[in-house]
């Protein structure tokens, strides 16, 4: 086994932990130990490989079973994968520790522990896979685990919302399979590096894009947009996240939509919207970016309006997931290296901050027995530490400097101004102002206002704190990480900037995944095809010359 093959541990560790947890169902302490070790190990591995790859300026690949791309299963670890793997592992670890204090006993003694591990197996494989079909497989693993987690409490409200979630995702999965089949029919491959190489070679040889290429791109954008909650495909999210146990809601809110965003970030600059080859005036690129820009505008603004209008903390936070995804879609609409770097930086900090806010909501519910803002109040006097943690996370979500949310937004808004999307920049700034309003709404009602008459007494405050130690640990971990991302934004942004540069200059990705012989083979094949078609288009008089022996000799040396 070569050292690069060790990157498959990101998939092996959660899969093994999930399988080990199955016979341990009902044994809470043993399951917690296995889960904590699993998430800690993947986080440490991600940080190690990320720093190693950055220092060496390398992209690591592993070909499963020694079957070379594009014929085998390819695993790719670059700066984009590394940032998302490290952040996802940290979010999963904090949510998992928080669940010790907030999960009901029957959930802890059920299949919660193996399902969380299988969910992370699907998420990690999504970030690592190098081909469209295995991206579909990773999505399905992740979704099957999420289906079970959505219904883990067994309440009628959960089952009602899970039905909608399952139905929509089954529809999206069906469309994904159809799109993958169309892609294979057009390009003869589903390996993403190979697809990018074929698109490059076709354009370089003057052959043009296959018929239906733009339609294929829009179809995949529809699939990924549904999973990422882009406008107008967001309607499944607010009620779904509202019904699940709060530690699961935090994990879902922080992570699941980012997998859909990641799929667009990975595939579109690489294959479907390569500016270096398609050109800024290409019809395909123009159509795709126009759709993404319109979606970004509505996702940001309508999402935040929905959040401001709500009066329950879970619903406000759930709908805010949508509006903040809009900033990431905004960066995609610009699709320059710096805009994608801003998108990536904003994505990782949002995973941390949004999860921490959901976890804070869990402790707020334990204090007041509800997340209804009319039933909250006086929390700052009762629980100062919770108030501090919530305020830092909330202001990070708003994007106040020098907190983590500011830097990604700043880069995206600046890129919008300089790339003729000034109107999106204005919408982005307005969305930020309304985000501040909604966070201050939670703060004033929940923490600043006097406590309501039917609030639990002081003795219950101590009981909540004593039974929520692991909950505070999980929140504190994420808030400290958010502060770290803000105060060390310069060094962290270098990783994101390297990832953005790799996305808009796909040659290094192609060379890291494909063997040089495969690259040469594709170029020779399309070069021969272009020459053959050029000869077939010659006038008849010219074709008659090929009967001369010298012409036959010339033809024989063509590749």
Protein backbone atom coordinates (compact mmCIF):
# COMPACT_ATOMS: atom_id res chain seq x y z
CA UNK A 1 0.00 0.00 0.00
CA UNK A 2 1.37 3.39 -1.01
CA UNK A 3 1.15 6.28 1.49
CA UNK A 4 -1.45 8.00 -0.69
CA UNK A 5 -3.78 5.02 -0.25
CA UNK A 6 -4.11 5.94 3.41
CA UNK A 7 -6.54 8.73 2.47
CA UNK A 8 -9.19 6.02 2.18
CA UNK A 9 -9.08 5.94 6.00
CA UNK A 10 -11.48 8.90 5.92
CA UNK A 11 -14.09 6.43 4.68
CA UNK A 12 -12.85 3.29 6.43
CA UNK A 13 -12.83 4.78 9.96
CA UNK A 14 -16.51 5.90 10.12
CA UNK A 15 -17.64 2.76 8.26
CA UNK A 16 -15.78 0.51 10.71
CA UNK A 17 -17.05 2.54 13.68
CA UNK A 18 -20.61 2.23 12.38
CA UNK A 19 -20.35 -1.53 11.97
CA UNK A 20 -18.77 -1.94 15.41
CA UNK A 21 -21.55 0.19 16.95
CA UNK A 22 -24.32 -2.09 15.66
CA UNK A 23 -23.73 -4.94 18.13
CA UNK A 24 -23.18 -2.29 20.83
CA UNK A 25 -26.71 -0.90 20.50
CA UNK A 26 -28.03 -0.32 24.01
CA UNK A 27 -24.51 -0.01 25.45
CA UNK A 28 -24.34 3.76 25.60
CA UNK A 29 -20.89 4.31 27.10
CA UNK A 30 -19.13 1.91 24.72
CA UNK A 31 -20.92 3.44 21.72
CA UNK A 32 -19.91 6.95 22.81
CA UNK A 33 -16.28 5.94 23.14
CA UNK A 34 -16.23 4.39 19.65
CA UNK A 35 -17.93 7.43 18.11
CA UNK A 36 -15.68 9.97 19.82
CA UNK A 37 -12.53 8.13 18.75
CA UNK A 38 -13.81 7.90 15.18
CA UNK A 39 -14.54 11.61 14.77
CA UNK A 40 -11.36 12.67 16.57
CA UNK A 41 -9.24 10.40 14.35
CA UNK A 42 -10.76 11.71 11.10
CA UNK A 43 -10.30 15.31 12.25
CA UNK A 44 -6.63 14.76 13.10
CA UNK A 45 -6.02 12.94 9.82
CA UNK A 46 -7.69 15.71 7.83
CA UNK A 47 -5.58 18.41 9.46
CA UNK A 48 -2.39 16.37 8.93
CA UNK A 49 -3.04 15.67 5.23
CA UNK A 50 -4.25 19.21 4.62
CA UNK A 51 -1.09 20.78 6.00
CA UNK A 52 1.07 18.17 4.27
CA UNK A 53 -0.60 18.78 0.91
CA UNK A 54 -0.41 22.55 1.26
CA UNK A 55 3.29 22.55 2.13
CA UNK A 56 4.09 20.20 -0.75
CA UNK A 57 1.60 21.94 -3.09
CA UNK A 58 0.31 18.47 -3.92
CA UNK A 59 -2.95 16.73 -4.78
CA UNK A 60 -3.09 13.18 -3.38
CA UNK A 61 -4.89 10.42 -5.22
CA UNK A 62 -5.55 6.75 -4.55
CA UNK A 63 -6.75 4.26 -7.17
CA UNK A 64 -8.74 1.53 -5.44
CA UNK A 65 -7.64 -1.99 -6.34
CA UNK A 66 -4.83 -0.49 -8.47
CA UNK A 67 -7.34 0.07 -11.26
CA UNK A 68 -6.14 3.26 -12.88
CA UNK A 69 -8.49 6.13 -13.68
CA UNK A 70 -10.87 6.39 -15.42
CA UNK A 71 -11.68 2.67 -15.10
CA UNK A 72 -11.46 2.24 -11.32
CA UNK A 73 -12.63 4.05 -8.21
CA UNK A 74 -10.54 7.17 -7.67
CA UNK A 75 -10.17 8.96 -4.32
CA UNK A 76 -8.81 12.52 -4.46
CA UNK A 77 -7.59 14.67 -1.55
CA UNK A 78 -6.83 18.30 -2.39
CA UNK A 79 -7.18 21.60 -0.53
CA UNK A 80 -10.94 21.73 -1.08
CA UNK A 81 -11.47 18.18 0.17
CA UNK A 82 -9.13 18.71 3.11
CA UNK A 83 -10.82 21.90 4.36
CA UNK A 84 -14.27 20.33 4.20
CA UNK A 85 -13.19 17.02 5.76
CA UNK A 86 -11.49 18.74 8.68
CA UNK A 87 -14.45 21.04 9.31
CA UNK A 88 -17.05 18.28 8.90
CA UNK A 89 -15.19 16.07 11.38
CA UNK A 90 -14.98 18.90 13.92
CA UNK A 91 -18.69 19.67 13.56
CA UNK A 92 -19.59 15.99 13.86
CA UNK A 93 -17.44 15.59 16.98
CA UNK A 94 -18.96 18.63 18.71
CA UNK A 95 -22.53 17.61 17.80
CA UNK A 96 -21.86 14.09 19.00
CA UNK A 97 -20.51 15.27 22.37
CA UNK A 98 -23.48 17.65 22.69
CA UNK A 99 -25.87 14.74 22.09
CA UNK A 100 -24.77 13.15 25.37
CA UNK A 101 -26.71 15.87 27.21
CA UNK A 102 -29.68 16.42 24.90
CA UNK A 103 -30.67 13.09 23.34
CA UNK A 104 -33.53 11.23 24.94
CA UNK A 105 -32.64 7.89 26.53
CA UNK A 106 -34.48 5.75 23.98
CA UNK A 107 -32.60 7.52 21.14
CA UNK A 108 -29.23 6.92 22.81
CA UNK A 109 -30.05 3.25 23.32
CA UNK A 110 -31.23 2.86 19.72
CA UNK A 111 -29.40 3.05 16.42
CA UNK A 112 -28.32 6.69 16.77
CA UNK A 113 -24.61 5.87 17.07
CA UNK A 114 -24.18 3.63 13.99
CA UNK A 115 -26.40 5.94 11.90
CA UNK A 116 -24.25 8.98 12.69
CA UNK A 117 -21.16 7.07 11.63
CA UNK A 118 -22.75 5.92 8.36
CA UNK A 119 -23.91 9.49 7.70
CA UNK A 120 -20.32 10.70 8.05
CA UNK A 121 -19.10 7.85 5.85
CA UNK A 122 -21.34 9.18 3.06
CA UNK A 123 -20.30 12.79 3.67
CA UNK A 124 -16.58 11.98 3.64
CA UNK A 125 -16.89 9.86 0.50
CA UNK A 126 -18.75 12.74 -1.20
CA UNK A 127 -15.81 15.05 -0.50
CA UNK A 128 -13.24 12.53 -1.73
CA UNK A 129 -14.69 10.69 -4.71
CA UNK A 130 -13.30 11.44 -8.15
CA UNK A 131 -16.21 10.33 -10.35
CA UNK A 132 -19.90 11.15 -10.76
CA UNK A 133 -21.23 7.65 -10.16
CA UNK A 134 -19.49 7.26 -6.81
CA UNK A 135 -20.66 10.76 -5.91
CA UNK A 136 -24.17 9.40 -6.44
CA UNK A 137 -23.32 6.37 -4.26
CA UNK A 138 -21.95 8.65 -1.52
CA UNK A 139 -25.10 10.79 -1.65
CA UNK A 140 -27.28 7.70 -1.25
CA UNK A 141 -25.29 6.42 1.74
CA UNK A 142 -25.57 9.83 3.37
CA UNK A 143 -29.28 10.14 2.56
CA UNK A 144 -30.23 6.67 3.77
CA UNK A 145 -28.64 7.42 7.13
CA UNK A 146 -30.36 10.82 7.24
CA UNK A 147 -33.76 9.21 6.50
CA UNK A 148 -33.38 7.02 9.58
CA UNK A 149 -32.12 9.90 11.74
CA UNK A 150 -35.08 12.06 10.71
CA UNK A 151 -37.50 9.48 12.10
CA UNK A 152 -35.42 8.34 15.05
CA UNK A 153 -37.83 9.84 17.59
CA UNK A 154 -40.84 8.16 15.99
CA UNK A 155 -43.19 11.14 16.45
CA UNK A 156 -46.02 11.88 14.01
CA UNK A 157 -44.48 15.28 13.22
CA UNK A 158 -41.16 13.68 12.30
CA UNK A 159 -42.77 11.05 10.10
CA UNK A 160 -44.80 13.66 8.26
CA UNK A 161 -41.76 15.77 7.40
CA UNK A 162 -39.55 12.77 6.71
CA UNK A 163 -42.04 11.59 4.07
CA UNK A 164 -41.59 14.84 2.15
CA UNK A 165 -37.81 14.75 2.56
CA UNK A 166 -37.54 11.14 1.39
CA UNK A 167 -39.85 11.66 -1.60
CA UNK A 168 -37.97 14.70 -2.87
CA UNK A 169 -34.58 13.10 -2.46
CA UNK A 170 -35.69 9.93 -4.23
CA UNK A 171 -36.82 12.11 -7.12
CA UNK A 172 -33.47 13.97 -7.10
CA UNK A 173 -31.57 10.67 -6.99
CA UNK A 174 -33.51 9.38 -10.00
CA UNK A 175 -32.67 12.52 -11.94
CA UNK A 176 -29.02 12.16 -10.87
CA UNK A 177 -28.85 8.64 -12.31
CA UNK A 178 -30.40 9.85 -15.57
CA UNK A 179 -27.92 12.74 -15.75
CA UNK A 180 -25.01 10.37 -15.10
CA UNK A 181 -26.21 8.14 -17.93
CA UNK A 182 -26.45 11.11 -20.27
CA UNK A 183 -22.95 12.23 -19.27
CA UNK A 184 -21.58 8.77 -20.02
CA UNK A 185 -23.33 8.73 -23.37
CA UNK A 186 -21.86 12.11 -24.30
CA UNK A 187 -18.31 11.69 -23.03
CA UNK A 188 -17.81 7.94 -22.54
CA UNK A 189 -16.66 8.35 -18.94
CA UNK A 190 -17.87 9.43 -15.49
CA UNK A 191 -14.45 10.13 -13.97
CA UNK A 192 -14.47 13.88 -13.35
CA UNK A 193 -10.84 14.45 -14.36
CA UNK A 194 -11.40 12.39 -17.52
CA UNK A 195 -14.57 14.35 -18.32
CA UNK A 196 -12.68 17.61 -17.91
CA UNK A 197 -9.84 16.34 -20.13
CA UNK A 198 -12.26 15.29 -22.88
CA UNK A 199 -14.03 18.67 -22.78
CA UNK A 200 -10.65 20.42 -22.96
CA UNK A 201 -9.42 18.27 -25.84
CA UNK A 202 -12.63 18.63 -27.85
CA UNK A 203 -12.49 22.39 -27.56
CA UNK A 204 -8.77 22.58 -28.31
CA UNK A 205 -9.28 20.48 -31.44
CA UNK A 206 -12.16 22.70 -32.57
CA UNK A 207 -14.73 19.93 -32.26
CA UNK A 208 -17.03 21.82 -29.88
CA UNK A 209 -19.13 20.54 -27.02
CA UNK A 210 -21.42 17.51 -27.40
CA UNK A 211 -25.07 18.13 -28.25
CA UNK A 212 -27.07 18.58 -25.06
CA UNK A 213 -24.06 19.53 -22.93
CA UNK A 214 -25.75 22.65 -21.59
CA UNK A 215 -28.92 20.71 -20.78
CA UNK A 216 -26.85 18.13 -18.91
CA UNK A 217 -25.21 20.88 -16.85
CA UNK A 218 -28.60 22.36 -15.94
CA UNK A 219 -29.92 18.91 -14.99
CA UNK A 220 -27.01 18.34 -12.59
CA UNK A 221 -27.44 21.86 -11.22
CA UNK A 222 -31.06 20.96 -10.46
CA UNK A 223 -29.96 17.82 -8.56
CA UNK A 224 -27.22 19.52 -6.57
CA UNK A 225 -29.38 22.60 -5.97
CA UNK A 226 -32.11 20.47 -4.38
CA UNK A 227 -29.60 18.87 -2.03
CA UNK A 228 -28.00 22.27 -1.28
CA UNK A 229 -31.35 24.11 -0.79
CA UNK A 230 -30.87 26.61 -3.63
CA UNK A 231 -33.87 28.70 -4.69
CA UNK A 232 -36.47 27.50 -5.69
CA UNK A 233 -35.62 24.05 -4.30
CA UNK A 234 -35.43 24.92 -0.62
CA UNK A 235 -39.01 24.23 0.49
CA UNK A 236 -38.17 20.88 2.13
CA UNK A 237 -35.65 22.26 4.62
CA UNK A 238 -37.26 24.46 7.35
CA UNK A 239 -39.83 21.97 8.63
CA UNK A 240 -37.46 19.02 8.27
CA UNK A 241 -34.72 20.43 10.50
CA UNK A 242 -37.35 21.70 12.94
CA UNK A 243 -38.54 18.22 13.93
CA UNK A 244 -35.35 16.26 14.72
CA UNK A 245 -33.42 16.07 18.03
CA UNK A 246 -31.33 19.20 18.39
CA UNK A 247 -27.90 17.57 18.09
CA UNK A 248 -29.00 16.00 14.80
CA UNK A 249 -30.50 19.33 13.68
CA UNK A 250 -27.14 20.98 14.37
CA UNK A 251 -25.29 18.36 12.35
CA UNK A 252 -27.78 18.57 9.46
CA UNK A 253 -27.91 22.38 9.51
CA UNK A 254 -24.17 22.71 9.56
CA UNK A 255 -23.28 20.02 7.07
CA UNK A 256 -25.84 18.45 4.74
CA UNK A 257 -26.59 21.43 2.50
CA UNK A 258 -22.84 22.01 2.11
CA UNK A 259 -22.50 18.64 0.40
CA UNK A 260 -24.80 19.90 -2.36
CA UNK A 261 -22.86 23.16 -2.59
CA UNK A 262 -19.61 21.20 -2.71
CA UNK A 263 -20.86 19.13 -5.65
CA UNK A 264 -21.42 22.30 -7.69
CA UNK A 265 -18.10 23.81 -6.59
CA UNK A 266 -16.27 20.63 -7.60
CA UNK A 267 -17.90 19.84 -10.95
CA UNK A 268 -18.83 23.12 -12.60
CA UNK A 269 -15.49 24.98 -12.66
CA UNK A 270 -13.85 21.69 -13.60
CA UNK A 271 -16.20 20.43 -16.33
CA UNK A 272 -19.27 22.50 -17.17
CA UNK A 273 -18.13 26.12 -16.86
CA UNK A 274 -14.37 26.22 -17.53
CA UNK A 275 -13.70 29.86 -18.34
CA UNK A 276 -10.18 29.09 -19.57
CA UNK A 277 -11.64 26.95 -22.38
CA UNK A 278 -15.28 27.90 -22.82
CA UNK A 279 -14.49 31.61 -22.61
CA UNK A 280 -16.43 34.25 -20.71
CA UNK A 281 -18.86 34.69 -23.61
CA UNK A 282 -19.62 31.00 -24.11
CA UNK A 283 -23.33 30.27 -24.35
CA UNK A 284 -23.02 27.30 -21.98
CA UNK A 285 -21.14 29.28 -19.34
CA UNK A 286 -23.39 32.32 -19.72
CA UNK A 287 -26.60 30.30 -19.25
CA UNK A 288 -25.25 28.40 -16.25
CA UNK A 289 -23.91 31.47 -14.45
CA UNK A 290 -27.11 33.43 -15.13
CA UNK A 291 -29.19 30.68 -13.53
CA UNK A 292 -26.84 30.50 -10.55
CA UNK A 293 -26.86 34.31 -10.12
CA UNK A 294 -30.67 34.53 -10.09
CA UNK A 295 -30.83 31.62 -7.66
CA UNK A 296 -28.27 33.32 -5.39
CA UNK A 297 -30.31 36.53 -5.24
CA UNK A 298 -33.55 34.81 -4.25
CA UNK A 299 -31.83 32.33 -1.93
CA UNK A 300 -30.18 35.11 0.05
CA UNK A 301 -32.98 37.64 0.27
CA UNK A 302 -36.14 35.53 0.49
CA UNK A 303 -34.41 33.21 2.93
CA UNK A 304 -33.53 35.97 5.34
CA UNK A 305 -37.01 37.52 5.06
CA UNK A 306 -38.46 34.16 6.07
CA UNK A 307 -36.12 34.01 9.06
CA UNK A 308 -37.03 37.51 10.27
CA UNK A 309 -40.73 36.64 10.16
CA UNK A 310 -40.42 33.56 12.42
CA UNK A 311 -40.86 33.51 16.19
CA UNK A 312 -39.31 30.15 17.13
CA UNK A 313 -35.56 29.76 17.45
CA UNK A 314 -35.35 26.48 15.54
CA UNK A 315 -37.34 27.86 12.61
CA UNK A 316 -35.27 31.05 12.50
CA UNK A 317 -32.04 29.06 12.44
CA UNK A 318 -33.37 26.55 9.90
CA UNK A 319 -34.45 29.22 7.43
CA UNK A 320 -31.15 31.02 7.98
CA UNK A 321 -29.43 27.94 6.59
CA UNK A 322 -31.10 28.84 3.27
CA UNK A 323 -30.14 32.52 3.26
CA UNK A 324 -26.52 31.77 4.14
CA UNK A 325 -26.29 29.15 1.39
CA UNK A 326 -27.17 32.08 -0.87
CA UNK A 327 -23.77 33.65 -0.19
CA UNK A 328 -22.07 30.46 -1.32
CA UNK A 329 -24.20 30.41 -4.48
CA UNK A 330 -23.22 34.06 -5.01
CA UNK A 331 -19.55 33.05 -5.05
CA UNK A 332 -20.38 30.29 -7.52
CA UNK A 333 -22.15 32.77 -9.80
CA UNK A 334 -18.93 34.79 -10.11
CA UNK A 335 -16.80 31.65 -10.52
CA UNK A 336 -13.39 33.32 -10.40
CA UNK A 337 -10.58 31.87 -8.32
CA UNK A 338 -10.95 34.50 -5.58
CA UNK A 339 -14.75 34.22 -5.52
CA UNK A 340 -14.54 30.45 -5.14
CA UNK A 341 -11.95 30.89 -2.37
CA UNK A 342 -14.38 33.22 -0.58
CA UNK A 343 -17.17 30.70 -1.10
CA UNK A 344 -15.04 27.89 0.38
CA UNK A 345 -13.95 29.96 3.38
CA UNK A 346 -17.52 31.04 4.02
CA UNK A 347 -18.70 27.44 3.67
CA UNK A 348 -16.36 26.06 6.35
CA UNK A 349 -17.05 28.85 8.84
CA UNK A 350 -20.80 28.52 8.29
CA UNK A 351 -20.64 24.81 9.05
CA UNK A 352 -19.09 25.66 12.41
CA UNK A 353 -21.20 28.68 13.32
CA UNK A 354 -24.59 27.35 12.23
CA UNK A 355 -24.09 24.08 14.11
CA UNK A 356 -23.05 25.97 17.26
CA UNK A 357 -26.24 28.07 17.12
CA UNK A 358 -28.43 24.98 16.87
CA UNK A 359 -26.60 23.45 19.81
CA UNK A 360 -27.13 26.66 21.83
CA UNK A 361 -30.84 26.33 21.04
CA UNK A 362 -30.76 22.88 22.62
CA UNK A 363 -29.60 24.29 25.97
CA UNK A 364 -32.10 27.16 25.69
CA UNK A 365 -34.87 24.58 25.30
CA UNK A 366 -33.66 22.73 28.40
CA UNK A 367 -33.88 25.98 30.39
CA UNK A 368 -37.34 27.06 29.23
CA UNK A 369 -38.89 23.85 27.92
CA UNK A 370 -39.53 25.49 24.55
CA UNK A 371 -37.86 27.42 21.74
CA UNK A 372 -40.81 29.83 21.38
CA UNK A 373 -39.43 33.33 21.89
CA UNK A 374 -42.49 34.32 23.92
CA UNK A 375 -41.64 31.60 26.44
CA UNK A 376 -37.96 32.47 26.69
CA UNK A 377 -36.44 35.42 28.53
CA UNK A 378 -33.98 36.22 31.28
CA UNK A 379 -31.46 33.66 30.01
CA UNK A 380 -28.53 36.05 30.32
CA UNK A 381 -29.05 36.31 34.08
CA UNK A 382 -29.62 32.58 34.47
CA UNK A 383 -26.81 31.35 32.20
CA UNK A 384 -24.15 33.92 31.37
CA UNK A 385 -21.86 31.40 29.64
CA UNK A 386 -24.60 30.30 27.28
CA UNK A 387 -25.31 33.97 26.50
CA UNK A 388 -21.66 34.62 25.67
CA UNK A 389 -21.42 31.56 23.43
CA UNK A 390 -24.65 32.39 21.59
CA UNK A 391 -23.68 36.04 21.06
CA UNK A 392 -20.27 35.18 19.57
CA UNK A 393 -21.81 32.58 17.25
CA UNK A 394 -24.65 34.92 16.24
CA UNK A 395 -22.33 37.80 15.40
CA UNK A 396 -20.10 35.41 13.45
CA UNK A 397 -23.14 34.42 11.39
CA UNK A 398 -23.94 38.08 10.79
CA UNK A 399 -20.37 38.68 9.66
CA UNK A 400 -19.19 41.40 12.02
CA UNK A 401 -15.38 41.90 11.89
CA UNK A 402 -13.11 40.40 13.07
CA UNK A 403 -15.30 37.30 13.42
CA UNK A 404 -15.16 34.44 10.94
CA UNK A 405 -18.26 35.26 8.88
CA UNK A 406 -16.87 38.63 7.82
CA UNK A 407 -13.96 37.49 5.67
CA UNK A 408 -15.75 35.14 3.30
CA UNK A 409 -18.57 37.64 2.78
CA UNK A 410 -16.09 40.45 2.19
CA UNK A 411 -14.26 38.55 -0.56
CA UNK A 412 -17.50 37.48 -2.28
CA UNK A 413 -19.03 40.98 -2.16
CA UNK A 414 -15.82 42.57 -3.47
CA UNK A 415 -15.62 40.06 -6.32
CA UNK A 416 -19.25 40.81 -7.15
CA UNK A 417 -18.50 44.54 -7.46
CA UNK A 418 -15.53 43.97 -9.74
CA UNK A 419 -17.22 41.34 -11.94
CA UNK A 420 -20.39 43.22 -12.95
CA UNK A 421 -22.58 41.57 -10.32
CA UNK A 422 -22.87 44.70 -8.19
CA UNK A 423 -26.61 44.09 -7.78
CA UNK A 424 -25.88 40.77 -6.07
CA UNK A 425 -23.39 42.54 -3.79
CA UNK A 426 -26.12 44.98 -2.75
CA UNK A 427 -28.51 42.10 -2.03
CA UNK A 428 -25.74 40.39 -0.05
CA UNK A 429 -25.22 43.47 2.13
CA UNK A 430 -28.98 43.84 2.69
CA UNK A 431 -29.16 40.17 3.64
CA UNK A 432 -26.41 40.73 6.20
CA UNK A 433 -28.36 43.61 7.77
CA UNK A 434 -31.53 41.50 8.04
CA UNK A 435 -29.48 38.62 9.47
CA UNK A 436 -28.34 40.99 12.23
CA UNK A 437 -31.96 41.93 12.87
CA UNK A 438 -33.06 38.30 13.25
CA UNK A 439 -30.15 37.43 15.55
CA UNK A 440 -30.87 40.48 17.72
CA UNK A 441 -34.50 39.33 17.84
CA UNK A 442 -33.41 36.02 19.42
CA UNK A 443 -30.99 37.83 21.72
CA UNK A 444 -33.49 40.42 22.95
CA UNK A 445 -36.38 37.97 23.47
CA UNK A 446 -34.35 35.05 24.79
CA UNK A 447 -31.52 36.62 26.75
CA UNK A 448 -32.23 40.28 27.41
CA UNK A 449 -35.96 40.44 28.19
CA UNK A 450 -37.23 39.69 31.71
CA UNK A 451 -38.11 36.08 32.37
CA UNK A 452 -41.76 35.10 31.84
CA UNK A 453 -43.99 34.26 34.82
CA UNK A 454 -44.03 30.50 34.19
CA UNK A 455 -40.27 30.16 33.84
CA UNK A 456 -38.53 27.34 35.77
CA UNK A 457 -37.23 28.35 39.16
CA UNK A 458 -33.56 28.88 40.12
CA UNK A 459 -33.20 25.35 41.44
CA UNK A 460 -33.90 24.04 37.94
CA UNK A 461 -31.12 26.23 36.53
CA UNK A 462 -28.53 24.32 38.49
CA UNK A 463 -30.05 21.03 37.38
CA UNK A 464 -29.91 22.09 33.73
CA UNK A 465 -26.26 23.07 34.06
CA UNK A 466 -25.32 19.85 35.83
CA UNK A 467 -27.01 17.67 33.22
CA UNK A 468 -25.70 19.68 30.25
CA UNK A 469 -21.95 19.67 30.81
CA UNK A 470 -21.26 17.80 27.56
CA UNK A 471 -23.65 20.15 25.79
CA UNK A 472 -21.62 23.17 26.87
CA UNK A 473 -18.42 21.35 25.85
CA UNK A 474 -19.73 20.78 22.31
CA UNK A 475 -20.83 24.40 21.91
CA UNK A 476 -17.59 25.75 23.35
CA UNK A 477 -15.53 23.63 20.95
CA UNK A 478 -17.33 25.11 17.95
CA UNK A 479 -17.30 28.71 19.20
CA UNK A 480 -13.55 28.46 19.90
CA UNK A 481 -13.08 27.06 16.39
CA UNK A 482 -15.14 29.93 14.96
CA UNK A 483 -12.95 32.44 16.81
CA UNK A 484 -9.87 30.64 15.54
CA UNK A 485 -11.13 30.91 11.95
CA UNK A 486 -11.74 34.62 12.47
CA UNK A 487 -8.51 35.62 14.21
CA UNK A 488 -6.34 33.43 11.94
CA UNK A 489 -8.31 34.20 8.78
CA UNK A 490 -5.16 35.13 6.87
CA UNK A 491 -3.40 31.76 7.14
CA UNK A 492 -6.65 29.77 6.78
CA UNK A 493 -7.64 31.80 3.73
CA UNK A 494 -4.41 30.75 2.03
CA UNK A 495 -5.74 27.18 2.00
CA UNK A 496 -9.04 28.37 0.53
CA UNK A 497 -7.24 30.53 -2.03
CA UNK A 498 -5.12 27.56 -3.11
CA UNK A 499 -8.33 25.51 -3.45
CA UNK A 500 -9.95 28.23 -5.57
CA UNK A 501 -6.92 28.41 -7.83
CA UNK A 502 -6.97 24.63 -8.29
CA UNK A 503 -10.65 24.78 -9.23
CA UNK A 504 -10.32 27.37 -11.99
CA UNK A 505 -7.07 25.84 -13.32
CA UNK A 506 -8.02 22.17 -13.60
CA UNK A 507 -4.86 20.94 -15.36
CA UNK A 508 -3.19 19.97 -12.06
CA UNK A 509 -6.26 18.05 -10.95
CA UNK A 510 -6.34 16.19 -14.27
CA UNK A 511 -2.63 15.38 -14.12
CA UNK A 512 -2.89 14.18 -10.50
CA UNK A 513 -5.77 11.81 -11.24
CA UNK A 514 -4.97 10.48 -14.73
CA UNK A 515 -1.88 8.60 -15.82
CA UNK A 516 0.15 10.44 -18.51
CA UNK A 517 -0.57 7.59 -20.92
CA UNK A 518 -4.31 8.15 -20.52
CA UNK A 519 -3.93 11.89 -21.14
CA UNK A 520 -1.93 11.23 -24.28
CA UNK A 521 -4.41 8.59 -25.41
CA UNK A 522 -7.35 10.99 -25.17
CA UNK A 523 -5.47 13.74 -26.99
CA UNK A 524 -4.38 11.37 -29.77
CA UNK A 525 -7.89 9.97 -30.16
CA UNK A 526 -9.55 13.34 -30.55
CA UNK A 527 -6.70 14.67 -32.69
CA UNK A 528 -7.12 11.69 -35.05
CA UNK A 529 -10.88 12.18 -35.08
CA UNK A 530 -10.51 15.86 -35.91
CA UNK A 531 -8.10 15.10 -38.74
CA UNK A 532 -10.35 12.36 -40.11
CA UNK A 533 -13.36 14.66 -40.11
CA UNK A 534 -11.33 17.41 -41.77
CA UNK A 535 -10.33 15.01 -44.57
CA UNK A 536 -13.93 13.82 -45.00
CA UNK A 537 -15.01 17.42 -45.54
CA UNK A 538 -12.53 18.04 -48.39
CA UNK A 539 -13.83 18.44 -51.98
CA UNK A 540 -14.01 15.24 -54.05
CA UNK A 541 -11.04 16.28 -56.18
CA UNK A 542 -8.87 16.44 -53.08
CA UNK A 543 -10.04 13.05 -51.88
CA UNK A 544 -8.96 11.47 -55.17
CA UNK A 545 -5.36 12.38 -54.37
CA UNK A 546 -5.35 9.80 -51.58
CA UNK A 547 -5.09 7.06 -54.20
CA UNK A 548 -1.48 8.10 -54.84
CA UNK A 549 1.02 5.85 -52.95
CA UNK A 550 2.68 8.85 -51.35
CA UNK A 551 -0.65 9.92 -49.90
CA UNK A 552 -1.19 6.45 -48.43
CA UNK A 553 2.22 6.64 -46.72
CA UNK A 554 1.30 10.03 -45.27
CA UNK A 555 -1.96 8.66 -43.89
CA UNK A 556 -0.23 5.75 -42.20
CA UNK A 557 1.78 8.03 -39.91
CA UNK A 558 -1.32 9.73 -38.48
CA UNK A 559 -1.87 8.87 -34.79
